[in-house]
Amino acid sequence: MSRPAKTRVPKIGFVSLGCPKALVDSERILTRLRAEGYEVSPTYDAADVVVVNTCGFIDAAVDESLDAIGEAIEQNGRVIVTGCLGARPERILERHPRVLKVTGPHAYEEVVGAVHEHLPPLHDPFSDLVPPQGVRLTPRHYAYLKISEGCNNKCTFCIIPDMRGRLVSRRIDEVLREGERLVKAGVKELLVISQDTSAYGADIKYAAASWRDESYQTRFIDLARGLGSLGAWVRLHYVYPYPHVDEVIPLMAERRVLPYLDIPFQHGSPSVLKRMRRPAHGQDTLARIQRWRKECPELVLRSTFIVGFPGETEAEFEELLQWLDEAQLDRVGCFKYSPVEGAAANALPDHVAPEVQEERYARFMERAAAISAQRLSARVGRKMRVLVDAVEENTAIARSEADAPEIDGVVRIAKAGKLRVGDWAEVEITGADAYDLKARILPAQ
């Protein structure tokens, strides 16, 4: 039996902006479209329609998203917009009235429906179009695993709950099955993401489910326990320092999950944290960090902070620097406060002048860099296992347990030899600077 002649396969261009959570949304949309026979175009010219997944967290992200939409319209002309900025369609349509459709975040069906409307699918039933793990935008050896949508927190500087809604957790058996599929497909590192990982399951009353003939609850500790049995690196992001997080530290000490926590502390001054309405702002986080490190000395902590928040005094900023000195965090990022349309912090008095923000940002980053350099220098001479992300000429760019992709430092391995992307490598650390390490390959045992 001869196969029917194909007509031209419809092609989708895709621009994905923002955080890893938005990247997972993009992967889900692309997986659905690929299953329906669409191809993904690497250029505007070859695409029949372009989808732009936007970010709208801060003004700079809004500007980047609007510019990306404009570029897609200029280069292609047929553009569908989704993502966080899509929750405010008037911002998009005011500047780009020619877009075909605007949808909000994680609106998968609406996006696919808009693509169907403007570019009907051509499904080829004779082809296996999508691998079991779906279409991913990350390298083959690591993947982001989103466990929930939305957020129940009411931080005054943030409008994520307004854009992405309240917390909606995925059942734990669904998450564990996805993690299992990814590992079977060759993924060596699972990066757990959400808006508030430590709140996982609270909205569905920690519903019980079965996986591999064992009972689990939809909660933070069971998630770590289940993923930790898959044999891959498991990295936990966006965790708040609640008391129940203590339960995962023994799993880290046993290396069932990576000894790494990404905790967005945001500030070290209790009065600023109160104005921010940060969850767990009343917790003694320094004491908790000390207990964690006593139980798991190899624990790595990364965080982000905001300087120049409305009303931040010099004394409060000095509290932040003192807190940073005591906490000795391994990886630190910092933002200068920026008003976001619709955020409650806009109404707070005493906004900090831009030149003061800039000066405090410089002082903060200088202090953080000094701490990082000191902590990294202590690793010189150690042996460790690393995961290779890239090979440039004869140098491999890898990451250790302490390094999340794209946001943390790297381990540069000279004379990489036969190392390839996705390989494990046993190395000895030979040097360090403020953020990165140098290493040599250890001879095979």
Protein backbone atom coordinates (compact mmCIF):
# COMPACT_ATOMS: atom_id res chain seq x y z
CA MET A 1 0.00 0.00 0.00
CA SER A 2 1.51 3.32 -1.03
CA ARG A 3 1.57 6.20 1.42
CA PRO A 4 -0.50 9.26 0.53
CA ALA A 5 1.44 12.23 -0.74
CA LYS A 6 2.21 14.82 1.91
CA THR A 7 1.30 18.42 1.56
CA ARG A 8 3.58 21.05 3.06
CA VAL A 9 4.13 20.50 6.79
CA PRO A 10 3.07 23.56 8.87
CA LYS A 11 5.95 25.14 10.74
CA ILE A 12 5.90 26.99 14.07
CA GLY A 13 8.46 29.52 15.22
CA PHE A 14 8.83 29.75 18.99
CA VAL A 15 10.37 32.40 21.24
CA SER A 16 10.50 31.46 24.94
CA LEU A 17 11.34 34.18 27.47
CA GLY A 18 11.48 34.32 31.26
CA CYS A 19 12.11 31.75 33.96
CA PRO A 20 12.40 27.94 33.82
CA LYS A 21 8.69 27.67 34.70
CA ALA A 22 7.88 29.49 31.45
CA LEU A 23 10.34 27.22 29.63
CA VAL A 24 8.36 24.18 30.81
CA ASP A 25 5.17 25.82 29.51
CA SER A 26 6.89 26.25 26.13
CA GLU A 27 7.96 22.59 26.13
CA ARG A 28 4.40 21.45 26.82
CA ILE A 29 2.97 23.58 24.01
CA LEU A 30 5.62 22.37 21.57
CA THR A 31 5.08 18.74 22.59
CA ARG A 32 1.36 19.06 21.81
CA LEU A 33 2.01 20.79 18.48
CA ARG A 34 4.66 18.27 17.43
CA ALA A 35 2.22 15.45 18.25
CA GLU A 36 -0.22 17.06 15.82
CA GLY A 37 2.33 17.15 12.99
CA TYR A 38 3.73 20.67 13.25
CA GLU A 39 7.44 21.21 12.77
CA VAL A 40 9.48 23.73 14.76
CA SER A 41 11.24 26.35 12.64
CA PRO A 42 14.59 27.78 13.80
CA THR A 43 14.05 31.01 11.82
CA TYR A 44 11.31 33.59 11.40
CA ASP A 45 11.46 33.29 7.61
CA ALA A 46 10.67 29.57 7.52
CA ALA A 47 7.85 29.76 10.09
CA ASP A 48 4.18 30.01 9.14
CA VAL A 49 3.24 31.36 12.58
CA VAL A 50 5.39 32.51 15.52
CA VAL A 51 4.45 31.94 19.18
CA VAL A 52 6.06 34.27 21.74
CA ASN A 53 5.96 33.09 25.36
CA THR A 54 6.42 36.26 27.41
CA CYS A 55 7.57 37.28 30.88
CA GLY A 56 6.02 40.13 32.85
CA PHE A 57 7.62 39.90 36.28
CA ILE A 58 9.47 43.24 36.27
CA ASP A 59 9.53 46.23 33.94
CA ALA A 60 12.73 45.10 32.24
CA ALA A 61 11.10 41.74 31.45
CA VAL A 62 8.01 43.49 30.09
CA ASP A 63 10.18 45.62 27.81
CA GLU A 64 12.10 42.56 26.61
CA SER A 65 8.83 40.75 25.86
CA LEU A 66 7.34 43.69 23.97
CA ASP A 67 10.54 44.03 21.94
CA ALA A 68 10.51 40.30 21.13
CA ILE A 69 6.90 40.52 19.95
CA GLY A 70 7.80 43.50 17.79
CA GLU A 71 10.74 41.66 16.26
CA ALA A 72 8.56 38.63 15.48
CA ILE A 73 5.93 40.84 13.85
CA GLU A 74 8.55 42.65 11.80
CA GLN A 75 10.31 39.45 10.70
CA ASN A 76 7.25 37.22 10.22
CA GLY A 77 3.99 39.14 10.65
CA ARG A 78 1.85 36.29 12.09
CA VAL A 79 2.34 36.22 15.86
CA ILE A 80 0.49 34.56 18.77
CA VAL A 81 1.41 35.76 22.27
CA THR A 82 1.16 33.78 25.51
CA GLY A 83 2.78 33.77 28.98
CA CYS A 84 2.76 36.05 31.99
CA LEU A 85 2.54 39.34 30.11
CA GLY A 86 -0.47 37.87 28.32
CA ALA A 87 -2.38 38.29 31.59
CA ARG A 88 -2.34 42.01 30.72
CA PRO A 89 -3.37 41.92 27.05
CA GLU A 90 -3.93 45.66 26.93
CA ARG A 91 -0.19 46.25 27.39
CA ILE A 92 0.52 44.06 24.37
CA LEU A 93 -2.29 45.25 22.10
CA GLU A 94 -1.57 48.91 22.80
CA ARG A 95 1.88 48.53 21.31
CA HIS A 96 1.30 45.62 18.92
CA PRO A 97 -2.33 45.62 17.71
CA ARG A 98 -1.45 43.24 14.84
CA VAL A 99 -0.91 40.15 17.01
CA LEU A 100 -3.26 37.32 16.09
CA LYS A 101 -4.10 36.21 19.64
CA VAL A 102 -3.11 36.92 23.26
CA THR A 103 -3.44 34.28 26.00
CA GLY A 104 -2.29 34.22 29.63
CA PRO A 105 0.23 31.92 31.34
CA HIS A 106 -0.08 28.10 31.22
CA ALA A 107 -3.05 28.45 28.82
CA TYR A 108 -1.94 25.48 26.74
CA GLU A 109 -5.31 24.73 25.11
CA GLU A 110 -5.87 28.36 24.14
CA VAL A 111 -2.45 28.60 22.51
CA VAL A 112 -2.92 25.37 20.58
CA GLY A 113 -6.43 26.49 19.60
CA ALA A 114 -5.06 29.77 18.26
CA VAL A 115 -2.44 27.89 16.24
CA HIS A 116 -5.20 25.63 14.84
CA GLU A 117 -7.25 28.68 13.87
CA HIS A 118 -4.46 30.43 11.99
CA LEU A 119 -2.49 27.38 10.84
CA PRO A 120 -4.57 24.17 10.69
CA PRO A 121 -2.66 20.97 11.62
CA LEU A 122 -1.50 18.34 9.19
CA HIS A 123 -1.13 15.12 11.16
CA ASP A 124 0.86 12.27 9.62
CA PRO A 125 -0.43 9.01 11.18
CA PHE A 126 2.50 7.06 9.69
CA SER A 127 5.14 8.86 11.73
CA ASP A 128 6.14 8.63 15.38
CA LEU A 129 6.30 12.38 15.86
CA VAL A 130 7.07 12.80 19.55
CA PRO A 131 9.47 10.91 21.84
CA PRO A 132 8.04 9.57 25.13
CA GLN A 133 9.60 12.41 27.15
CA GLY A 134 8.02 15.06 24.89
CA VAL A 135 9.70 18.00 23.19
CA ARG A 136 12.23 19.78 25.39
CA LEU A 137 14.18 22.99 24.99
CA THR A 138 17.00 21.98 27.37
CA PRO A 139 19.97 19.74 26.53
CA ARG A 140 19.30 16.00 26.62
CA HIS A 141 21.07 15.47 29.94
CA TYR A 142 18.98 17.74 32.18
CA ALA A 143 15.34 18.78 32.41
CA TYR A 144 13.09 21.05 34.44
CA LEU A 145 10.29 19.28 36.29
CA LYS A 146 7.42 21.60 37.17
CA ILE A 147 5.40 20.39 40.16
CA SER A 148 2.78 23.13 40.46
CA GLU A 149 1.38 26.31 38.99
CA GLY A 150 0.62 29.59 40.73
CA CYS A 151 1.31 30.87 44.23
CA ASN A 152 -0.63 31.67 47.42
CA ASN A 153 1.90 34.18 48.78
CA LYS A 154 1.16 37.90 48.76
CA CYS A 155 4.59 39.51 48.48
CA THR A 156 4.16 43.24 47.96
CA PHE A 157 6.71 43.49 45.14
CA CYS A 158 5.26 40.60 43.10
CA ILE A 159 2.26 40.16 40.80
CA ILE A 160 2.87 36.50 39.92
CA PRO A 161 -0.32 35.34 41.76
CA ASP A 162 -2.31 37.85 39.72
CA MET A 163 -0.80 36.59 36.47
CA ARG A 164 -0.47 32.85 37.14
CA GLY A 165 -3.20 32.33 39.76
CA ARG A 166 -3.24 30.56 43.09
CA LEU A 167 -1.32 27.39 43.88
CA VAL A 168 -2.37 24.36 41.81
CA SER A 169 -0.25 21.28 42.58
CA ARG A 170 0.17 18.28 40.31
CA ARG A 171 -0.54 14.93 41.98
CA ILE A 172 2.63 13.27 43.11
CA ASP A 173 2.15 10.10 41.06
CA GLU A 174 1.91 12.22 37.88
CA VAL A 175 5.12 14.08 38.77
CA LEU A 176 7.02 10.91 39.66
CA ARG A 177 5.95 9.19 36.44
CA GLU A 178 7.17 12.19 34.43
CA GLY A 179 10.48 12.13 36.28
CA GLU A 180 10.80 8.42 35.58
CA ARG A 181 10.13 8.92 31.84
CA LEU A 182 12.75 11.66 31.67
CA VAL A 183 15.42 9.56 33.36
CA LYS A 184 14.67 6.62 31.09
CA ALA A 185 15.13 8.99 28.12
CA GLY A 186 18.66 9.87 29.26
CA VAL A 187 18.13 12.81 31.62
CA LYS A 188 20.80 12.84 34.33
CA GLU A 189 19.60 15.85 36.32
CA LEU A 190 16.06 16.82 37.32
CA LEU A 191 15.54 20.44 38.35
CA VAL A 192 12.39 20.77 40.44
CA ILE A 193 10.64 24.10 39.87
CA SER A 194 7.47 25.91 40.97
CA GLN A 195 6.62 29.26 42.53
CA ASP A 196 6.80 27.79 46.05
CA THR A 197 8.17 24.24 46.16
CA SER A 198 7.84 23.95 49.94
CA ALA A 199 4.07 24.58 49.65
CA TYR A 200 3.66 21.65 47.26
CA GLY A 201 0.42 19.76 47.82
CA ALA A 202 -1.13 22.14 50.35
CA ASP A 203 -3.95 23.05 47.95
CA ILE A 204 -5.01 19.41 47.45
CA LYS A 205 -4.59 18.48 51.12
CA TYR A 206 -1.47 16.41 50.40
CA ALA A 207 -3.48 13.84 48.42
CA ALA A 208 -2.18 10.28 48.59
CA ALA A 209 -1.28 8.29 45.49
CA SER A 210 0.57 5.13 44.53
CA TRP A 211 3.76 4.87 42.45
CA ARG A 212 5.86 1.73 41.97
CA ASP A 213 3.46 -0.07 44.34
CA GLU A 214 4.34 2.30 47.16
CA SER A 215 2.17 4.97 48.80
CA TYR A 216 3.19 8.63 48.58
CA GLN A 217 1.59 11.88 49.64
CA THR A 218 1.59 14.98 47.49
CA ARG A 219 4.00 16.84 49.73
CA PHE A 220 7.56 18.20 49.67
CA ILE A 221 9.33 15.40 51.55
CA ASP A 222 7.64 12.57 49.63
CA LEU A 223 8.48 14.32 46.36
CA ALA A 224 12.15 14.39 47.34
CA ARG A 225 12.02 10.77 48.51
CA GLY A 226 10.41 9.56 45.28
CA LEU A 227 12.58 11.51 42.85
CA GLY A 228 15.63 10.55 44.89
CA SER A 229 15.04 6.89 44.03
CA LEU A 230 15.46 7.46 40.25
CA GLY A 231 19.27 7.56 40.23
CA ALA A 232 19.57 11.08 38.78
CA TRP A 233 20.71 14.32 40.33
CA VAL A 234 17.66 16.02 41.90
CA ARG A 235 18.00 19.78 42.44
CA LEU A 236 15.36 21.68 44.48
CA HIS A 237 14.53 25.25 43.48
CA TYR A 238 12.29 27.99 44.97
CA VAL A 239 12.09 26.56 48.49
CA TYR A 240 10.98 28.72 51.42
CA PRO A 241 12.65 28.14 54.81
CA TYR A 242 9.67 26.60 56.61
CA PRO A 243 10.31 24.13 59.46
CA HIS A 244 9.17 21.11 57.41
CA VAL A 245 12.05 21.72 54.97
CA ASP A 246 14.28 20.34 57.76
CA GLU A 247 13.01 16.86 56.81
CA VAL A 248 14.81 16.86 53.45
CA ILE A 249 18.28 17.56 54.87
CA PRO A 250 18.95 13.89 55.84
CA LEU A 251 18.17 12.90 52.22
CA MET A 252 20.79 15.42 51.12
CA ALA A 253 23.34 14.09 53.59
CA GLU A 254 22.74 10.61 52.06
CA ARG A 255 22.99 12.10 48.50
CA ARG A 256 19.53 10.83 47.61
CA VAL A 257 18.91 14.39 46.45
CA LEU A 258 21.58 17.01 45.82
CA PRO A 259 22.77 18.94 48.91
CA TYR A 260 21.56 22.16 47.29
CA LEU A 261 18.69 24.49 48.17
CA ASP A 262 17.58 27.52 46.19
CA ILE A 263 15.85 29.77 48.75
CA PRO A 264 14.75 33.29 47.72
CA PHE A 265 15.49 35.03 51.03
CA GLN A 266 15.18 38.52 49.37
CA HIS A 267 16.49 40.44 52.40
CA GLY A 268 18.07 40.07 55.83
CA SER A 269 16.30 42.88 57.71
CA PRO A 270 13.15 41.76 59.58
CA SER A 271 11.48 45.14 59.04
CA VAL A 272 12.09 45.08 55.27
CA LEU A 273 10.90 41.46 55.04
CA LYS A 274 7.74 42.46 56.89
CA ARG A 275 7.08 45.27 54.38
CA MET A 276 7.70 42.76 51.59
CA ARG A 277 5.20 40.38 53.27
CA ARG A 278 7.60 37.53 52.72
CA PRO A 279 6.45 34.07 53.85
CA ALA A 280 8.42 32.79 56.84
CA HIS A 281 9.76 36.30 57.49
CA GLY A 282 9.42 35.68 61.21
CA GLN A 283 11.59 32.55 61.10
CA ASP A 284 15.10 32.61 62.52
CA THR A 285 16.67 31.68 59.19
CA LEU A 286 20.27 32.00 60.39
CA ALA A 287 19.68 29.44 63.13
CA ARG A 288 17.98 27.14 60.62
CA ILE A 289 20.91 27.44 58.18
CA GLN A 290 23.33 26.54 60.98
CA ARG A 291 21.30 23.42 61.87
CA TRP A 292 21.13 22.36 58.21
CA ARG A 293 24.88 22.71 57.75
CA LYS A 294 25.60 20.82 60.94
CA GLU A 295 23.53 17.89 59.64
CA CYS A 296 24.80 18.18 56.05
CA PRO A 297 28.15 20.03 55.91
CA GLU A 298 28.25 19.86 52.09
CA LEU A 299 24.94 21.76 51.75
CA VAL A 300 25.07 24.55 49.16
CA LEU A 301 22.66 27.48 49.47
CA ARG A 302 21.80 29.90 46.68
CA SER A 303 19.49 32.87 46.94
CA THR A 304 18.36 36.16 45.43
CA PHE A 305 17.99 39.53 47.15
CA ILE A 306 16.41 42.91 46.47
CA VAL A 307 18.21 46.12 47.45
CA GLY A 308 16.60 49.55 47.48
CA PHE A 309 13.13 48.29 48.43
CA PRO A 310 10.79 51.20 49.33
CA GLY A 311 11.67 52.60 52.73
CA GLU A 312 14.97 50.69 52.99
CA THR A 313 17.18 52.73 55.30
CA GLU A 314 20.97 52.61 55.49
CA ALA A 315 20.62 50.78 58.80
CA GLU A 316 18.35 48.15 57.22
CA PHE A 317 20.77 47.71 54.35
CA GLU A 318 23.61 47.22 56.85
CA GLU A 319 21.44 44.54 58.51
CA LEU A 320 21.30 42.79 55.14
CA LEU A 321 25.10 42.88 54.79
CA GLN A 322 25.55 41.57 58.32
CA TRP A 323 23.03 38.79 57.64
CA LEU A 324 24.93 37.88 54.47
CA ASP A 325 28.21 37.72 56.40
CA GLU A 326 26.67 35.36 58.94
CA ALA A 327 24.77 33.21 56.44
CA GLN A 328 27.80 32.66 54.17
CA LEU A 329 25.63 31.72 51.19
CA ASP A 330 27.40 29.96 48.35
CA ARG A 331 25.56 31.49 45.38
CA VAL A 332 23.89 34.88 45.44
CA GLY A 333 22.05 37.07 42.95
CA CYS A 334 20.77 40.59 43.49
CA PHE A 335 18.24 42.95 41.91
CA LYS A 336 17.65 46.63 42.37
CA TYR A 337 14.01 47.19 43.31
CA SER A 338 11.87 48.07 40.31
CA PRO A 339 8.17 49.03 40.51
CA VAL A 340 5.87 46.56 38.78
CA GLU A 341 2.45 47.66 37.56
CA GLY A 342 -0.18 46.36 39.99
CA ALA A 343 2.23 45.54 42.84
CA ALA A 344 1.25 46.63 46.37
CA ALA A 345 4.78 47.93 47.05
CA ASN A 346 4.16 50.79 44.63
CA ALA A 347 2.03 52.47 47.28
CA LEU A 348 4.69 52.26 49.99
CA PRO A 349 6.31 55.56 51.02
CA ASP A 350 9.96 56.60 50.75
CA HIS A 351 11.07 54.99 47.50
CA VAL A 352 14.87 54.78 47.35
CA ALA A 353 16.61 57.04 44.84
CA PRO A 354 18.18 55.22 41.84
CA GLU A 355 21.69 56.42 42.66
CA VAL A 356 21.36 55.04 46.21
CA GLN A 357 20.06 51.74 44.83
CA GLU A 358 23.04 51.54 42.49
CA GLU A 359 25.52 52.22 45.29
CA ARG A 360 23.93 49.61 47.57
CA TYR A 361 23.82 47.08 44.74
CA ALA A 362 27.57 47.55 44.16
CA ARG A 363 28.35 47.15 47.87
CA PHE A 364 26.16 44.06 48.14
CA MET A 365 27.70 42.36 45.11
CA GLU A 366 31.22 43.16 46.32
CA ARG A 367 30.46 41.50 49.66
CA ALA A 368 28.76 38.50 48.00
CA ALA A 369 31.67 38.02 45.57
CA ALA A 370 34.17 38.00 48.44
CA ILE A 371 32.16 35.34 50.27
CA SER A 372 31.83 33.27 47.11
CA ALA A 373 35.56 33.49 46.37
CA GLN A 374 36.42 32.37 49.89
CA ARG A 375 34.03 29.42 49.82
CA LEU A 376 35.16 28.31 46.36
CA SER A 377 38.84 28.51 47.32
CA ALA A 378 38.14 25.92 50.02
CA ARG A 379 37.28 23.42 47.27
CA VAL A 380 40.72 23.56 45.66
CA GLY A 381 42.31 20.14 45.95
CA ARG A 382 39.00 18.32 46.34
CA LYS A 383 37.87 15.51 44.06
CA MET A 384 34.32 15.64 42.74
CA ARG A 385 31.95 14.34 40.10
CA VAL A 386 30.76 16.87 37.52
CA LEU A 387 28.31 16.91 34.61
CA VAL A 388 29.49 18.30 31.25
CA ASP A 389 27.28 20.96 29.63
CA ALA A 390 29.53 22.06 26.75
CA VAL A 391 32.91 21.43 25.14
CA GLU A 392 34.79 24.37 23.64
CA GLU A 393 37.90 23.32 21.74
CA ASN A 394 39.69 21.20 24.35
CA THR A 395 38.00 22.69 27.43
CA ALA A 396 34.88 21.13 28.95
CA ILE A 397 32.37 23.38 30.72
CA ALA A 398 30.83 21.34 33.52
CA ARG A 399 28.83 21.74 36.70
CA SER A 400 29.22 20.26 40.16
CA GLU A 401 26.52 19.43 42.70
CA ALA A 402 26.76 23.08 43.75
CA ASP A 403 25.86 24.56 40.35
CA ALA A 404 22.47 24.88 38.69
CA PRO A 405 22.56 25.50 34.92
CA GLU A 406 22.73 29.09 33.68
CA ILE A 407 22.41 30.73 37.12
CA ASP A 408 25.42 29.43 39.07
CA GLY A 409 29.10 29.00 38.31
CA VAL A 410 30.85 26.35 36.24
CA VAL A 411 33.81 23.97 36.45
CA ARG A 412 36.25 24.43 33.54
CA ILE A 413 38.14 21.26 32.73
CA ALA A 414 41.35 21.78 30.74
CA LYS A 415 42.52 19.09 28.32
CA ALA A 416 39.03 17.62 28.13
CA GLY A 417 40.10 14.81 25.84
CA LYS A 418 37.14 12.64 24.84
CA LEU A 419 34.61 14.29 27.11
CA ARG A 420 31.27 15.05 25.45
CA VAL A 421 28.14 16.98 26.40
CA GLY A 422 26.15 14.98 28.96
CA ASP A 423 29.13 12.97 30.24
CA TRP A 424 29.98 12.50 33.87
CA ALA A 425 33.59 13.30 34.76
CA GLU A 426 35.67 12.65 37.86
CA VAL A 427 37.90 15.68 38.44
CA GLU A 428 40.23 17.35 40.92
CA ILE A 429 39.74 21.06 41.54
CA THR A 430 42.93 22.96 40.72
CA GLY A 431 41.87 26.62 40.97
CA ALA A 432 39.07 29.04 41.81
CA ASP A 433 38.01 32.63 41.24
CA ALA A 434 35.00 34.56 42.57
CA TYR A 435 32.41 32.39 40.83
CA ASP A 436 33.98 29.48 38.87
CA LEU A 437 36.33 26.55 39.41
CA LYS A 438 39.13 25.03 37.34
CA ALA A 439 39.78 21.30 37.27
CA ARG A 440 41.74 18.44 35.76
CA ILE A 441 40.44 15.02 34.80
CA LEU A 442 41.40 12.26 37.21
CA PRO A 443 42.95 9.15 35.69
CA ALA A 444 40.61 6.17 35.45
CA GLN A 445 40.81 3.84 38.42
